[in-house]
Amino acid sequence: MDAVLIEFRRLRAGAILPAYQSEQAAGMDLSADLDEPVEIEPGDIVVIPCGFAMALPIGFEAQIRPRSGLATKFGITLPNAPGTVDSDYRGEMKVPLINHGKIPFVVEPGMRIAQMIVARVEHVQILEVKELTQTQRGERGFGSTGVGHGPL
């Protein structure tokens, strides 16, 4: 399978470009491009720069997701997870982090703070209709399929 080619531009010399941490990793880690540590107080949101810009091909997006270790150990996640980076964005990659933990968290320069998954997206055509096709589930919403095993 051919890999999708994405152009990256470092905005600062020391910026760390996204990288897969294992051969079969789904996401590339994003690193903080900071001159000094940044403290995030409990409940606060801080936008952390990554020091690069990129050019995604048309028909792709980058999904920015929390790192599971930061989330489970420290309560550090993204307030809009997953975040979407559109293919026409050319500005600096920045990651908003929120501290859901009970104590301040320090983001160190070069720390891996989030992960980025590149995925295909489809543009769809909108067709307004008077009635939708029916399904077994119908209009039953949140929790309607239950929490156990088996069919509806």
C-alpha atoms as a PDB file:
ATOM      1  CA  MET A   1       0.000   0.000   0.000  1.00  0.00           C
ATOM      2  CA  ASP A   2       1.410   3.385  -0.987  1.00  0.00           C
ATOM      3  CA  ALA A   3       1.840   5.894   1.799  1.00  0.00           C
ATOM      4  CA  VAL A   4       0.171   9.292   1.492  1.00  0.00           C
ATOM      5  CA  LEU A   5       2.780  12.024   1.077  1.00  0.00           C
ATOM      6  CA  ILE A   6       2.360  15.022   3.385  1.00  0.00           C
ATOM      7  CA  GLU A   7       4.557  18.098   3.219  1.00  0.00           C
ATOM      8  CA  PHE A   8       5.771  19.520   6.553  1.00  0.00           C
ATOM      9  CA  ARG A   9       7.558  22.800   7.225  1.00  0.00           C
ATOM     10  CA  ARG A  10       9.409  23.474  10.471  1.00  0.00           C
ATOM     11  CA  LEU A  11       8.572  26.947  11.757  1.00  0.00           C
ATOM     12  CA  ARG A  12      11.417  26.847  14.294  1.00  0.00           C
ATOM     13  CA  ALA A  13      14.713  24.996  14.004  1.00  0.00           C
ATOM     14  CA  GLY A  14      14.186  22.796  17.068  1.00  0.00           C
ATOM     15  CA  ALA A  15      10.632  21.735  16.226  1.00  0.00           C
ATOM     16  CA  ILE A  16      10.019  17.990  16.278  1.00  0.00           C
ATOM     17  CA  LEU A  17       8.059  16.707  13.281  1.00  0.00           C
ATOM     18  CA  PRO A  18       5.266  14.167  13.896  1.00  0.00           C
ATOM     19  CA  ALA A  19       6.518  10.599  14.170  1.00  0.00           C
ATOM     20  CA  TYR A  20       5.130   7.101  14.607  1.00  0.00           C
ATOM     21  CA  GLN A  21       6.507   5.534  17.798  1.00  0.00           C
ATOM     22  CA  SER A  22       6.079   1.943  16.626  1.00  0.00           C
ATOM     23  CA  GLU A  23       5.835   0.161  13.287  1.00  0.00           C
ATOM     24  CA  GLN A  24       2.071  -0.389  13.531  1.00  0.00           C
ATOM     25  CA  ALA A  25       1.051   2.737  15.429  1.00  0.00           C
ATOM     26  CA  ALA A  26      -2.117   4.351  14.073  1.00  0.00           C
ATOM     27  CA  GLY A  27      -1.163   7.858  15.136  1.00  0.00           C
ATOM     28  CA  MET A  28       1.925  10.027  14.965  1.00  0.00           C
ATOM     29  CA  ASP A  29       2.918  11.755  18.180  1.00  0.00           C
ATOM     30  CA  LEU A  30       2.920  15.553  18.294  1.00  0.00           C
ATOM     31  CA  SER A  31       5.491  17.290  20.462  1.00  0.00           C
ATOM     32  CA  ALA A  32       5.417  20.591  22.332  1.00  0.00           C
ATOM     33  CA  ASP A  33       7.608  23.273  20.752  1.00  0.00           C
ATOM     34  CA  LEU A  34       8.299  25.418  23.809  1.00  0.00           C
ATOM     35  CA  ASP A  35      11.219  27.542  24.988  1.00  0.00           C
ATOM     36  CA  GLU A  36      10.343  26.823  28.627  1.00  0.00           C
ATOM     37  CA  PRO A  37       7.915  24.590  30.551  1.00  0.00           C
ATOM     38  CA  VAL A  38       4.236  25.569  30.662  1.00  0.00           C
ATOM     39  CA  GLU A  39       2.077  24.777  33.687  1.00  0.00           C
ATOM     40  CA  ILE A  40      -1.587  23.885  33.238  1.00  0.00           C
ATOM     41  CA  GLU A  41      -3.663  24.385  36.377  1.00  0.00           C
ATOM     42  CA  PRO A  42      -6.606  22.024  37.075  1.00  0.00           C
ATOM     43  CA  GLY A  43      -9.547  23.070  34.907  1.00  0.00           C
ATOM     44  CA  ASP A  44      -7.448  25.304  32.639  1.00  0.00           C
ATOM     45  CA  ILE A  45      -7.008  25.050  28.880  1.00  0.00           C
ATOM     46  CA  VAL A  46      -3.674  26.008  27.319  1.00  0.00           C
ATOM     47  CA  VAL A  47      -2.857  25.995  23.598  1.00  0.00           C
ATOM     48  CA  ILE A  48       0.555  24.405  23.011  1.00  0.00           C
ATOM     49  CA  PRO A  49       2.445  25.115  19.757  1.00  0.00           C
ATOM     50  CA  CYS A  50       4.075  22.250  17.848  1.00  0.00           C
ATOM     51  CA  GLY A  51       6.422  24.360  15.698  1.00  0.00           C
ATOM     52  CA  PHE A  52       5.423  23.083  12.268  1.00  0.00           C
ATOM     53  CA  ALA A  53       2.887  23.604   9.500  1.00  0.00           C
ATOM     54  CA  MET A  54       1.748  21.006   6.989  1.00  0.00           C
ATOM     55  CA  ALA A  55      -0.057  20.607   3.690  1.00  0.00           C
ATOM     56  CA  LEU A  56      -2.554  17.751   3.772  1.00  0.00           C
ATOM     57  CA  PRO A  57      -3.699  16.507   0.371  1.00  0.00           C
ATOM     58  CA  ILE A  58      -7.269  17.279  -0.721  1.00  0.00           C
ATOM     59  CA  GLY A  59      -9.578  14.521   0.529  1.00  0.00           C
ATOM     60  CA  PHE A  60      -7.724  14.057   3.836  1.00  0.00           C
ATOM     61  CA  GLU A  61      -7.966  15.408   7.369  1.00  0.00           C
ATOM     62  CA  ALA A  62      -5.736  15.147  10.416  1.00  0.00           C
ATOM     63  CA  GLN A  63      -7.517  14.024  13.571  1.00  0.00           C
ATOM     64  CA  ILE A  64      -5.842  15.274  16.739  1.00  0.00           C
ATOM     65  CA  ARG A  65      -6.426  12.996  19.705  1.00  0.00           C
ATOM     66  CA  PRO A  66      -5.270  12.754  23.318  1.00  0.00           C
ATOM     67  CA  ARG A  67      -2.388  10.508  24.312  1.00  0.00           C
ATOM     68  CA  SER A  68      -3.843   7.765  26.471  1.00  0.00           C
ATOM     69  CA  GLY A  69      -1.000   7.841  29.004  1.00  0.00           C
ATOM     70  CA  LEU A  70      -1.395  11.567  29.689  1.00  0.00           C
ATOM     71  CA  ALA A  71      -5.170  11.174  29.939  1.00  0.00           C
ATOM     72  CA  THR A  72      -5.213   8.183  32.298  1.00  0.00           C
ATOM     73  CA  LYS A  73      -2.241   9.126  34.489  1.00  0.00           C
ATOM     74  CA  PHE A  74      -2.681  12.904  34.732  1.00  0.00           C
ATOM     75  CA  GLY A  75      -6.125  13.855  33.350  1.00  0.00           C
ATOM     76  CA  ILE A  76      -4.556  15.745  30.428  1.00  0.00           C
ATOM     77  CA  THR A  77      -6.686  15.587  27.300  1.00  0.00           C
ATOM     78  CA  LEU A  78      -8.087  17.747  24.495  1.00  0.00           C
ATOM     79  CA  PRO A  79     -11.232  19.823  25.070  1.00  0.00           C
ATOM     80  CA  ASN A  80     -12.406  19.069  21.517  1.00  0.00           C
ATOM     81  CA  ALA A  81     -11.243  15.485  21.031  1.00  0.00           C
ATOM     82  CA  PRO A  82     -10.852  14.562  18.349  1.00  0.00           C
ATOM     83  CA  GLY A  83      -9.912  17.865  16.769  1.00  0.00           C
ATOM     84  CA  THR A  84      -9.959  18.167  12.990  1.00  0.00           C
ATOM     85  CA  VAL A  85      -7.333  19.843  10.834  1.00  0.00           C
ATOM     86  CA  ASP A  86      -8.684  20.520   7.333  1.00  0.00           C
ATOM     87  CA  SER A  87      -6.622  20.029   4.195  1.00  0.00           C
ATOM     88  CA  ASP A  88      -6.648  23.749   3.373  1.00  0.00           C
ATOM     89  CA  TYR A  89      -5.115  24.864   6.716  1.00  0.00           C
ATOM     90  CA  ARG A  90      -1.501  26.000   6.428  1.00  0.00           C
ATOM     91  CA  GLY A  91      -0.909  27.598   9.827  1.00  0.00           C
ATOM     92  CA  GLU A  92       1.065  26.308  12.768  1.00  0.00           C
ATOM     93  CA  MET A  93      -0.142  23.099  14.362  1.00  0.00           C
ATOM     94  CA  LYS A  94      -1.265  23.887  17.897  1.00  0.00           C
ATOM     95  CA  VAL A  95      -2.856  21.563  20.423  1.00  0.00           C
ATOM     96  CA  PRO A  96      -5.326  22.745  23.071  1.00  0.00           C
ATOM     97  CA  LEU A  97      -4.787  20.786  26.285  1.00  0.00           C
ATOM     98  CA  ILE A  98      -7.115  20.730  29.284  1.00  0.00           C
ATOM     99  CA  ASN A  99      -6.175  19.573  32.758  1.00  0.00           C
ATOM    100  CA  HIS A 100      -8.962  17.429  34.219  1.00  0.00           C
ATOM    101  CA  GLY A 101      -6.604  16.305  36.971  1.00  0.00           C
ATOM    102  CA  LYS A 102      -6.502  17.500  40.575  1.00  0.00           C
ATOM    103  CA  ILE A 103      -2.985  18.986  40.493  1.00  0.00           C
ATOM    104  CA  PRO A 104      -1.090  21.288  38.094  1.00  0.00           C
ATOM    105  CA  PHE A 105       0.572  19.580  35.133  1.00  0.00           C
ATOM    106  CA  VAL A 106       3.788  20.802  33.528  1.00  0.00           C
ATOM    107  CA  VAL A 107       4.285  20.499  29.765  1.00  0.00           C
ATOM    108  CA  GLU A 108       8.011  20.306  29.091  1.00  0.00           C
ATOM    109  CA  PRO A 109       9.687  21.407  25.825  1.00  0.00           C
ATOM    110  CA  GLY A 110       9.726  18.462  23.412  1.00  0.00           C
ATOM    111  CA  MET A 111       7.121  16.487  25.402  1.00  0.00           C
ATOM    112  CA  ARG A 112       4.817  14.294  23.322  1.00  0.00           C
ATOM    113  CA  ILE A 113       1.397  15.854  23.990  1.00  0.00           C
ATOM    114  CA  ALA A 114      -1.092  14.431  21.474  1.00  0.00           C
ATOM    115  CA  GLN A 115      -1.374  12.123  18.514  1.00  0.00           C
ATOM    116  CA  MET A 116      -2.350  12.802  14.932  1.00  0.00           C
ATOM    117  CA  ILE A 117      -4.141  10.363  12.655  1.00  0.00           C
ATOM    118  CA  VAL A 118      -4.437  11.181   8.968  1.00  0.00           C
ATOM    119  CA  ALA A 119      -7.672   9.895   7.440  1.00  0.00           C
ATOM    120  CA  ARG A 120      -9.573  10.121   4.183  1.00  0.00           C
ATOM    121  CA  VAL A 121     -12.755  12.164   4.167  1.00  0.00           C
ATOM    122  CA  GLU A 122     -15.609  12.249   1.719  1.00  0.00           C
ATOM    123  CA  HIS A 123     -17.595  15.276   0.684  1.00  0.00           C
ATOM    124  CA  VAL A 124     -21.245  14.347   0.311  1.00  0.00           C
ATOM    125  CA  GLN A 125     -24.173  15.795  -1.569  1.00  0.00           C
ATOM    126  CA  ILE A 126     -27.154  16.936   0.475  1.00  0.00           C
ATOM    127  CA  LEU A 127     -30.572  15.650  -0.602  1.00  0.00           C
ATOM    128  CA  GLU A 128     -33.534  17.037   1.315  1.00  0.00           C
ATOM    129  CA  VAL A 129     -36.459  14.601   1.548  1.00  0.00           C
ATOM    130  CA  LYS A 130     -39.879  14.601   3.234  1.00  0.00           C
ATOM    131  CA  GLU A 131     -39.374  11.156   4.849  1.00  0.00           C
ATOM    132  CA  LEU A 132     -36.301   9.079   5.700  1.00  0.00           C
ATOM    133  CA  THR A 133     -35.962   5.362   5.073  1.00  0.00           C
ATOM    134  CA  GLN A 134     -36.995   3.370   8.160  1.00  0.00           C
ATOM    135  CA  THR A 135     -34.730   1.165  10.300  1.00  0.00           C
ATOM    136  CA  GLN A 136     -35.289  -1.163  13.252  1.00  0.00           C
ATOM    137  CA  ARG A 137     -33.822   1.421  15.631  1.00  0.00           C
ATOM    138  CA  GLY A 138     -35.769   4.330  14.197  1.00  0.00           C
ATOM    139  CA  GLU A 139     -35.644   7.502  16.287  1.00  0.00           C
ATOM    140  CA  ARG A 140     -34.524   5.867  19.532  1.00  0.00           C
ATOM    141  CA  GLY A 141     -31.477   7.862  20.653  1.00  0.00           C
ATOM    142  CA  PHE A 142     -28.861   7.890  23.397  1.00  0.00           C
ATOM    143  CA  GLY A 143     -28.602   4.536  25.163  1.00  0.00           C
ATOM    144  CA  SER A 144     -31.417   3.001  23.122  1.00  0.00           C
ATOM    145  CA  THR A 145     -29.383  -0.032  22.106  1.00  0.00           C
ATOM    146  CA  GLY A 146     -28.636  -0.851  25.752  1.00  0.00           C
ATOM    147  CA  VAL A 147     -25.400  -1.511  27.554  1.00  0.00           C
ATOM    148  CA  GLY A 148     -25.434  -5.328  27.542  1.00  0.00           C
ATOM    149  CA  HIS A 149     -24.758  -7.887  24.867  1.00  0.00           C
ATOM    150  CA  GLY A 150     -26.965  -8.965  22.023  1.00  0.00           C
ATOM    151  CA  PRO A 151     -29.344  -7.315  19.577  1.00  0.00           C
ATOM    152  CA  LEU A 152     -31.633  -4.344  20.192  1.00  0.00           C
END
